[in-house]
Amino acid sequence: MRRYYIASCNFTALLAGWLLGGPVGIGTLVSTFGEGLVMQLVYDLVRFEPRDVRHRSVIEVIKESRA
């Protein structure tokens, strides 16, 4: 389900850019619809799971760097 949400956001941005007069070529289409696929392939290749990342706030990073 999340994959379709991201694809629809990418398509909406592409459409908005085109409606505003921007050029839409083969590179634009490939980057719009191929971005998620490439990211997923790289994540699988390096065995990276984004959901397992522990996010920290800027305050936590500053505190850790001073310690």
PDB file of N, CA and C in Angstrom:
ATOM      1  N   MET A   1       0.824  -1.192   0.000  1.00  0.00           N
ATOM      2  CA  MET A   1       0.000   0.000   0.000  1.00  0.00           C
ATOM      3  C   MET A   1       0.871   1.259   0.000  1.00  0.00           C
ATOM      4  N   ARG A   2       1.936   1.246   0.805  1.00  0.00           N
ATOM      5  CA  ARG A   2       2.811   2.413   0.893  1.00  0.00           C
ATOM      6  C   ARG A   2       3.481   2.701  -0.442  1.00  0.00           C
ATOM      7  N   ARG A   3       3.789   1.653  -1.194  1.00  0.00           N
ATOM      8  CA  ARG A   3       4.435   1.794  -2.497  1.00  0.00           C
ATOM      9  C   ARG A   3       3.556   2.619  -3.439  1.00  0.00           C
ATOM     10  N   TYR A   4       2.242   2.366  -3.408  1.00  0.00           N
ATOM     11  CA  TYR A   4       1.332   3.100  -4.277  1.00  0.00           C
ATOM     12  C   TYR A   4       1.197   4.551  -3.844  1.00  0.00           C
ATOM     13  N   TYR A   5       1.281   4.797  -2.552  1.00  0.00           N
ATOM     14  CA  TYR A   5       1.213   6.165  -2.046  1.00  0.00           C
ATOM     15  C   TYR A   5       2.416   6.973  -2.536  1.00  0.00           C
ATOM     16  N   ILE A   6       3.594   6.399  -2.449  1.00  0.00           N
ATOM     17  CA  ILE A   6       4.805   7.092  -2.893  1.00  0.00           C
ATOM     18  C   ILE A   6       4.768   7.307  -4.398  1.00  0.00           C
ATOM     19  N   ALA A   7       4.337   6.293  -5.151  1.00  0.00           N
ATOM     20  CA  ALA A   7       4.248   6.426  -6.607  1.00  0.00           C
ATOM     21  C   ALA A   7       3.251   7.510  -6.993  1.00  0.00           C
ATOM     22  N   SER A   8       2.135   7.586  -6.264  1.00  0.00           N
ATOM     23  CA  SER A   8       1.152   8.621  -6.591  1.00  0.00           C
ATOM     24  C   SER A   8       1.670  10.013  -6.238  1.00  0.00           C
ATOM     25  N   CYS A   9       2.454  10.136  -5.178  1.00  0.00           N
ATOM     26  CA  CYS A   9       3.067  11.421  -4.845  1.00  0.00           C
ATOM     27  C   CYS A   9       4.067  11.836  -5.919  1.00  0.00           C
ATOM     28  N   ASN A  10       4.879  10.892  -6.382  1.00  0.00           N
ATOM     29  CA  ASN A  10       5.834  11.180  -7.458  1.00  0.00           C
ATOM     30  C   ASN A  10       5.105  11.598  -8.734  1.00  0.00           C
ATOM     31  N   PHE A  11       4.026  10.900  -9.067  1.00  0.00           N
ATOM     32  CA  PHE A  11       3.264  11.241 -10.264  1.00  0.00           C
ATOM     33  C   PHE A  11       2.616  12.618 -10.127  1.00  0.00           C
ATOM     34  N   THR A  12       2.105  12.942  -8.944  1.00  0.00           N
ATOM     35  CA  THR A  12       1.497  14.249  -8.718  1.00  0.00           C
ATOM     36  C   THR A  12       2.528  15.358  -8.886  1.00  0.00           C
ATOM     37  N   ALA A  13       3.733  15.147  -8.376  1.00  0.00           N
ATOM     38  CA  ALA A  13       4.799  16.138  -8.546  1.00  0.00           C
ATOM     39  C   ALA A  13       5.170  16.278 -10.019  1.00  0.00           C
ATOM     40  N   LEU A  14       5.231  15.163 -10.748  1.00  0.00           N
ATOM     41  CA  LEU A  14       5.509  15.197 -12.176  1.00  0.00           C
ATOM     42  C   LEU A  14       4.429  15.969 -12.920  1.00  0.00           C
ATOM     43  N   LEU A  15       3.184  15.686 -12.614  1.00  0.00           N
ATOM     44  CA  LEU A  15       2.066  16.359 -13.263  1.00  0.00           C
ATOM     45  C   LEU A  15       2.059  17.850 -12.959  1.00  0.00           C
ATOM     46  N   ALA A  16       2.314  18.207 -11.712  1.00  0.00           N
ATOM     47  CA  ALA A  16       2.351  19.624 -11.333  1.00  0.00           C
ATOM     48  C   ALA A  16       3.462  20.352 -12.075  1.00  0.00           C
ATOM     49  N   GLY A  17       4.626  19.736 -12.186  1.00  0.00           N
ATOM     50  CA  GLY A  17       5.727  20.345 -12.919  1.00  0.00           C
ATOM     51  C   GLY A  17       5.392  20.538 -14.382  1.00  0.00           C
ATOM     52  N   TRP A  18       4.728  19.552 -14.974  1.00  0.00           N
ATOM     53  CA  TRP A  18       4.338  19.653 -16.377  1.00  0.00           C
ATOM     54  C   TRP A  18       3.289  20.746 -16.575  1.00  0.00           C
ATOM     55  N   LEU A  19       2.316  20.804 -15.664  1.00  0.00           N
ATOM     56  CA  LEU A  19       1.278  21.839 -15.756  1.00  0.00           C
ATOM     57  C   LEU A  19       1.854  23.242 -15.577  1.00  0.00           C
ATOM     58  N   LEU A  20       2.946  23.356 -14.856  1.00  0.00           N
ATOM     59  CA  LEU A  20       3.600  24.651 -14.674  1.00  0.00           C
ATOM     60  C   LEU A  20       4.543  24.993 -15.830  1.00  0.00           C
ATOM     61  N   GLY A  21       4.618  24.122 -16.824  1.00  0.00           N
ATOM     62  CA  GLY A  21       5.406  24.428 -18.008  1.00  0.00           C
ATOM     63  C   GLY A  21       6.763  23.765 -18.067  1.00  0.00           C
ATOM     64  N   GLY A  22       7.048  22.882 -17.155  1.00  0.00           N
ATOM     65  CA  GLY A  22       8.339  22.207 -17.146  1.00  0.00           C
ATOM     66  C   GLY A  22       8.405  21.107 -18.187  1.00  0.00           C
ATOM     67  N   PRO A  23       9.607  20.778 -18.645  1.00  0.00           N
ATOM     68  CA  PRO A  23       9.734  19.713 -19.648  1.00  0.00           C
ATOM     69  C   PRO A  23       9.601  18.333 -19.016  1.00  0.00           C
ATOM     70  N   VAL A  24       8.975  17.438 -19.730  1.00  0.00           N
ATOM     71  CA  VAL A  24       8.848  16.050 -19.291  1.00  0.00           C
ATOM     72  C   VAL A  24       9.406  15.179 -20.408  1.00  0.00           C
ATOM     73  N   GLY A  25      10.558  14.594 -20.138  1.00  0.00           N
ATOM     74  CA  GLY A  25      11.195  13.724 -21.122  1.00  0.00           C
ATOM     75  C   GLY A  25      11.348  12.326 -20.568  1.00  0.00           C
ATOM     76  N   ILE A  26      12.096  11.515 -21.280  1.00  0.00           N
ATOM     77  CA  ILE A  26      12.294  10.128 -20.859  1.00  0.00           C
ATOM     78  C   ILE A  26      13.032  10.048 -19.527  1.00  0.00           C
ATOM     79  N   GLY A  27      13.983  10.943 -19.301  1.00  0.00           N
ATOM     80  CA  GLY A  27      14.705  10.956 -18.027  1.00  0.00           C
ATOM     81  C   GLY A  27      13.802  11.282 -16.857  1.00  0.00           C
ATOM     82  N   THR A  28      12.877  12.203 -17.072  1.00  0.00           N
ATOM     83  CA  THR A  28      11.923  12.568 -16.023  1.00  0.00           C
ATOM     84  C   THR A  28      11.033  11.386 -15.683  1.00  0.00           C
ATOM     85  N   LEU A  29      10.557  10.703 -16.704  1.00  0.00           N
ATOM     86  CA  LEU A  29       9.678   9.551 -16.474  1.00  0.00           C
ATOM     87  C   LEU A  29      10.412   8.407 -15.788  1.00  0.00           C
ATOM     88  N   VAL A  30      11.634   8.135 -16.225  1.00  0.00           N
ATOM     89  CA  VAL A  30      12.414   7.053 -15.614  1.00  0.00           C
ATOM     90  C   VAL A  30      12.707   7.371 -14.152  1.00  0.00           C
ATOM     91  N   SER A  31      13.086   8.611 -13.866  1.00  0.00           N
ATOM     92  CA  SER A  31      13.400   8.958 -12.481  1.00  0.00           C
ATOM     93  C   SER A  31      12.151   8.965 -11.606  1.00  0.00           C
ATOM     94  N   THR A  32      11.020   9.367 -12.175  1.00  0.00           N
ATOM     95  CA  THR A  32       9.776   9.399 -11.400  1.00  0.00           C
ATOM     96  C   THR A  32       9.308   8.003 -11.019  1.00  0.00           C
ATOM     97  N   PHE A  33       9.294   7.113 -11.989  1.00  0.00           N
ATOM     98  CA  PHE A  33       8.731   5.791 -11.735  1.00  0.00           C
ATOM     99  C   PHE A  33       9.766   4.733 -11.396  1.00  0.00           C
ATOM    100  N   GLY A  34      11.049   5.008 -11.582  1.00  0.00           N
ATOM    101  CA  GLY A  34      12.081   4.033 -11.288  1.00  0.00           C
ATOM    102  C   GLY A  34      12.791   4.248  -9.972  1.00  0.00           C
ATOM    103  N   GLU A  35      12.561   5.393  -9.349  1.00  0.00           N
ATOM    104  CA  GLU A  35      13.257   5.737  -8.102  1.00  0.00           C
ATOM    105  C   GLU A  35      13.019   4.705  -7.006  1.00  0.00           C
ATOM    106  N   GLY A  36      11.786   4.369  -6.772  1.00  0.00           N
ATOM    107  CA  GLY A  36      11.461   3.418  -5.705  1.00  0.00           C
ATOM    108  C   GLY A  36      12.016   2.036  -5.967  1.00  0.00           C
ATOM    109  N   LEU A  37      11.963   1.609  -7.211  1.00  0.00           N
ATOM    110  CA  LEU A  37      12.481   0.292  -7.571  1.00  0.00           C
ATOM    111  C   LEU A  37      13.980   0.213  -7.336  1.00  0.00           C
ATOM    112  N   VAL A  38      14.701   1.236  -7.762  1.00  0.00           N
ATOM    113  CA  VAL A  38      16.158   1.244  -7.576  1.00  0.00           C
ATOM    114  C   VAL A  38      16.511   1.276  -6.091  1.00  0.00           C
ATOM    115  N   MET A  39      15.809   2.100  -5.328  1.00  0.00           N
ATOM    116  CA  MET A  39      16.083   2.165  -3.885  1.00  0.00           C
ATOM    117  C   MET A  39      15.835   0.811  -3.226  1.00  0.00           C
ATOM    118  N   GLN A  40      14.748   0.141  -3.597  1.00  0.00           N
ATOM    119  CA  GLN A  40      14.444  -1.161  -3.010  1.00  0.00           C
ATOM    120  C   GLN A  40      15.497  -2.194  -3.380  1.00  0.00           C
ATOM    121  N   LEU A  41      15.962  -2.171  -4.614  1.00  0.00           N
ATOM    122  CA  LEU A  41      17.003  -3.114  -5.036  1.00  0.00           C
ATOM    123  C   LEU A  41      18.298  -2.877  -4.277  1.00  0.00           C
ATOM    124  N   VAL A  42      18.679  -1.625  -4.087  1.00  0.00           N
ATOM    125  CA  VAL A  42      19.906  -1.313  -3.347  1.00  0.00           C
ATOM    126  C   VAL A  42      19.755  -1.719  -1.888  1.00  0.00           C
ATOM    127  N   TYR A  43      18.606  -1.423  -1.291  1.00  0.00           N
ATOM    128  CA  TYR A  43      18.380  -1.813   0.109  1.00  0.00           C
ATOM    129  C   TYR A  43      18.485  -3.323   0.266  1.00  0.00           C
ATOM    130  N   ASP A  44      17.921  -4.068  -0.669  1.00  0.00           N
ATOM    131  CA  ASP A  44      18.014  -5.529  -0.603  1.00  0.00           C
ATOM    132  C   ASP A  44      19.451  -5.996  -0.799  1.00  0.00           C
ATOM    133  N   LEU A  45      20.175  -5.346  -1.686  1.00  0.00           N
ATOM    134  CA  LEU A  45      21.555  -5.721  -1.980  1.00  0.00           C
ATOM    135  C   LEU A  45      22.454  -5.549  -0.756  1.00  0.00           C
ATOM    136  N   VAL A  46      22.293  -4.448  -0.025  1.00  0.00           N
ATOM    137  CA  VAL A  46      23.138  -4.193   1.144  1.00  0.00           C
ATOM    138  C   VAL A  46      22.480  -4.651   2.451  1.00  0.00           C
ATOM    139  N   ARG A  47      21.332  -5.316   2.322  1.00  0.00           N
ATOM    140  CA  ARG A  47      20.581  -5.835   3.481  1.00  0.00           C
ATOM    141  C   ARG A  47      20.255  -4.728   4.489  1.00  0.00           C
ATOM    142  N   PHE A  48      19.723  -3.624   3.980  1.00  0.00           N
ATOM    143  CA  PHE A  48      19.357  -2.489   4.826  1.00  0.00           C
ATOM    144  C   PHE A  48      17.849  -2.467   4.998  1.00  0.00           C
ATOM    145  N   GLU A  49      17.397  -2.373   6.242  1.00  0.00           N
ATOM    146  CA  GLU A  49      15.972  -2.302   6.539  1.00  0.00           C
ATOM    147  C   GLU A  49      15.679  -0.937   7.164  1.00  0.00           C
ATOM    148  N   PRO A  50      15.079  -0.011   6.409  1.00  0.00           N
ATOM    149  CA  PRO A  50      14.853   1.343   6.915  1.00  0.00           C
ATOM    150  C   PRO A  50      13.971   1.388   8.164  1.00  0.00           C
ATOM    151  N   ARG A  51      13.091   0.425   8.326  1.00  0.00           N
ATOM    152  CA  ARG A  51      12.210   0.428   9.503  1.00  0.00           C
ATOM    153  C   ARG A  51      12.953   0.119  10.793  1.00  0.00           C
ATOM    154  N   ASP A  52      14.162  -0.424  10.687  1.00  0.00           N
ATOM    155  CA  ASP A  52      14.949  -0.750  11.877  1.00  0.00           C
ATOM    156  C   ASP A  52      15.848   0.398  12.344  1.00  0.00           C
ATOM    157  N   VAL A  53      15.867   1.495  11.603  1.00  0.00           N
ATOM    158  CA  VAL A  53      16.726   2.626  11.941  1.00  0.00           C
ATOM    159  C   VAL A  53      16.146   3.367  13.141  1.00  0.00           C
ATOM    160  N   ARG A  54      16.996   3.639  14.117  1.00  0.00           N
ATOM    161  CA  ARG A  54      16.566   4.408  15.283  1.00  0.00           C
ATOM    162  C   ARG A  54      16.848   5.877  15.000  1.00  0.00           C
ATOM    163  N   HIS A  55      15.809   6.659  14.897  1.00  0.00           N
ATOM    164  CA  HIS A  55      15.966   8.078  14.594  1.00  0.00           C
ATOM    165  C   HIS A  55      16.217   8.860  15.879  1.00  0.00           C
ATOM    166  N   ARG A  56      17.072   9.876  15.758  1.00  0.00           N
ATOM    167  CA  ARG A  56      17.406  10.701  16.908  1.00  0.00           C
ATOM    168  C   ARG A  56      17.106  12.159  16.587  1.00  0.00           C
ATOM    169  N   SER A  57      16.796  12.916  17.612  1.00  0.00           N
ATOM    170  CA  SER A  57      16.553  14.342  17.409  1.00  0.00           C
ATOM    171  C   SER A  57      17.884  15.089  17.382  1.00  0.00           C
ATOM    172  N   VAL A  58      17.846  16.310  16.925  1.00  0.00           N
ATOM    173  CA  VAL A  58      19.047  17.135  16.875  1.00  0.00           C
ATOM    174  C   VAL A  58      19.602  17.339  18.283  1.00  0.00           C
ATOM    175  N   ILE A  59      18.738  17.497  19.251  1.00  0.00           N
ATOM    176  CA  ILE A  59      19.165  17.685  20.645  1.00  0.00           C
ATOM    177  C   ILE A  59      19.958  16.469  21.127  1.00  0.00           C
ATOM    178  N   GLU A  60      19.470  15.258  20.811  1.00  0.00           N
ATOM    179  CA  GLU A  60      20.183  14.047  21.224  1.00  0.00           C
ATOM    180  C   GLU A  60      21.564  13.969  20.581  1.00  0.00           C
ATOM    181  N   VAL A  61      21.666  14.325  19.318  1.00  0.00           N
ATOM    182  CA  VAL A  61      22.950  14.276  18.616  1.00  0.00           C
ATOM    183  C   VAL A  61      23.928  15.267  19.229  1.00  0.00           C
ATOM    184  N   ILE A  62      23.450  16.455  19.560  1.00  0.00           N
ATOM    185  CA  ILE A  62      24.322  17.475  20.182  1.00  0.00           C
ATOM    186  C   ILE A  62      24.810  17.012  21.538  1.00  0.00           C
ATOM    187  N   LYS A  63      23.904  16.443  22.341  1.00  0.00           N
ATOM    188  CA  LYS A  63      24.274  15.940  23.655  1.00  0.00           C
ATOM    189  C   LYS A  63      25.310  14.822  23.556  1.00  0.00           C
ATOM    190  N   GLU A  64      25.132  13.916  22.595  1.00  0.00           N
ATOM    191  CA  GLU A  64      26.079  12.818  22.421  1.00  0.00           C
ATOM    192  C   GLU A  64      27.426  13.307  21.942  1.00  0.00           C
ATOM    193  N   SER A  65      27.443  14.330  21.121  1.00  0.00           N
ATOM    194  CA  SER A  65      28.721  14.826  20.612  1.00  0.00           C
ATOM    195  C   SER A  65      29.521  15.573  21.672  1.00  0.00           C
ATOM    196  N   ARG A  66      28.843  16.098  22.664  1.00  0.00           N
ATOM    197  CA  ARG A  66      29.529  16.825  23.754  1.00  0.00           C
ATOM    198  C   ARG A  66      30.035  15.864  24.812  1.00  0.00           C
ATOM    199  N   ALA A  67      29.492  14.685  24.881  1.00  0.00           N
ATOM    200  CA  ALA A  67      29.879  13.716  25.933  1.00  0.00           C
ATOM    201  C   ALA A  67      31.198  13.052  25.640  1.00  0.00           C
TER     202      ALA A  67
END
